[in-house]
Amino acid sequence: MELSKLLKNIKPTAIVGDAEVEITGINIDSRKIGPDQLFVAMKGTQVDGHRFISKAIELGAKAVLCEDMPENTVEGVTYVQVAST
């Protein structure tokens, strides 16, 4: 499904990259990311998922949903910033 369709009811504060990219799945665990998936970087009580954005991209994440935009973005990856993941 296209990322833009997944975001239909979400109001991003910023999008960096192509919102029309095809997404094959969604995951909050960077260790379980597959090719062309959306990684949701969640801030937990013990671990901040934002720390694992790079790992998720290495494993094939095509898009990232995050609260804090990374300083360095990777070409070909779409970043969607929201108020709360």
Protein backbone atom coordinates (compact mmCIF):
# COMPACT_ATOMS: atom_id res chain seq x y z
CA MET A 1 0.00 0.00 0.00
CA GLU A 2 1.20 3.51 -0.68
CA LEU A 3 2.50 5.39 2.36
CA SER A 4 0.20 8.33 1.57
CA LYS A 5 -2.83 6.03 1.96
CA LEU A 6 -1.56 4.78 5.32
CA LEU A 7 -1.19 8.40 6.43
CA LYS A 8 -4.71 9.36 5.34
CA ASN A 9 -5.98 9.92 8.90
CA ILE A 10 -2.68 11.16 10.34
CA LYS A 11 -1.62 14.78 10.37
CA PRO A 12 2.17 14.83 9.92
CA THR A 13 4.11 17.90 11.00
CA ALA A 14 6.68 17.19 8.26
CA ILE A 15 7.40 14.72 5.47
CA VAL A 16 10.87 14.32 3.98
CA GLY A 17 10.92 12.11 0.91
CA ASP A 18 8.35 10.42 -1.30
CA ALA A 19 4.95 9.91 0.34
CA GLU A 20 3.88 7.73 -2.60
CA VAL A 21 6.42 5.00 -1.78
CA GLU A 22 5.03 1.45 -1.63
CA ILE A 23 5.00 -0.04 1.90
CA THR A 24 4.84 -3.82 2.47
CA GLY A 25 4.33 -3.79 6.24
CA ILE A 26 4.60 -1.85 9.49
CA ASN A 27 6.76 -2.67 12.49
CA ILE A 28 7.79 -1.07 15.79
CA ASP A 29 10.64 -3.56 16.35
CA SER A 30 13.69 -2.63 14.27
CA ARG A 31 15.00 -6.20 14.54
CA LYS A 32 11.95 -7.49 12.69
CA ILE A 33 11.90 -4.97 9.83
CA GLY A 34 11.63 -6.43 6.36
CA PRO A 35 12.20 -4.91 2.93
CA ASP A 36 10.10 -1.85 2.09
CA GLN A 37 8.43 -1.65 5.51
CA LEU A 38 7.48 1.35 7.64
CA PHE A 39 9.38 1.57 10.93
CA VAL A 40 7.53 3.34 13.73
CA ALA A 41 10.04 4.85 16.17
CA MET A 42 8.24 4.86 19.51
CA LYS A 43 9.47 6.44 22.73
CA GLY A 44 9.05 3.81 25.44
CA THR A 45 9.54 3.96 29.17
CA GLN A 46 12.92 2.19 28.94
CA VAL A 47 14.05 2.52 25.32
CA ASP A 48 13.60 5.20 22.66
CA GLY A 49 12.91 3.62 19.28
CA HIS A 50 14.49 6.64 17.59
CA ARG A 51 17.86 5.08 18.50
CA PHE A 52 17.13 2.22 16.11
CA ILE A 53 16.14 4.15 12.98
CA SER A 54 19.51 3.48 11.33
CA LYS A 55 19.26 -0.25 12.07
CA ALA A 56 15.73 -0.41 10.64
CA ILE A 57 16.94 1.28 7.45
CA GLU A 58 19.87 -1.16 7.20
CA LEU A 59 17.33 -4.01 7.33
CA GLY A 60 15.23 -2.51 4.55
CA ALA A 61 12.86 0.06 6.04
CA LYS A 62 11.63 2.32 3.25
CA ALA A 63 9.89 4.82 5.56
CA VAL A 64 10.13 5.98 9.17
CA LEU A 65 7.37 7.43 11.35
CA CYS A 66 8.97 9.46 14.13
CA GLU A 67 8.48 12.26 16.61
CA ASP A 68 12.02 13.63 16.29
CA MET A 69 13.41 14.02 12.79
CA PRO A 70 16.93 12.54 12.50
CA GLU A 71 19.74 15.02 11.84
CA ASN A 72 20.96 12.95 8.91
CA THR A 73 18.45 11.45 6.52
CA VAL A 74 19.11 8.65 4.06
CA GLU A 75 18.32 9.17 0.39
CA GLY A 76 15.51 6.91 -0.76
CA VAL A 77 13.93 6.70 2.70
CA THR A 78 10.82 8.70 3.56
CA TYR A 79 10.59 10.29 7.01
CA VAL A 80 7.22 11.25 8.46
CA GLN A 81 7.30 13.39 11.58
CA VAL A 82 4.25 13.38 13.87
CA ALA A 83 3.48 14.88 17.27
CA SER A 84 3.20 11.45 18.91
CA THR A 85 3.94 7.98 17.57
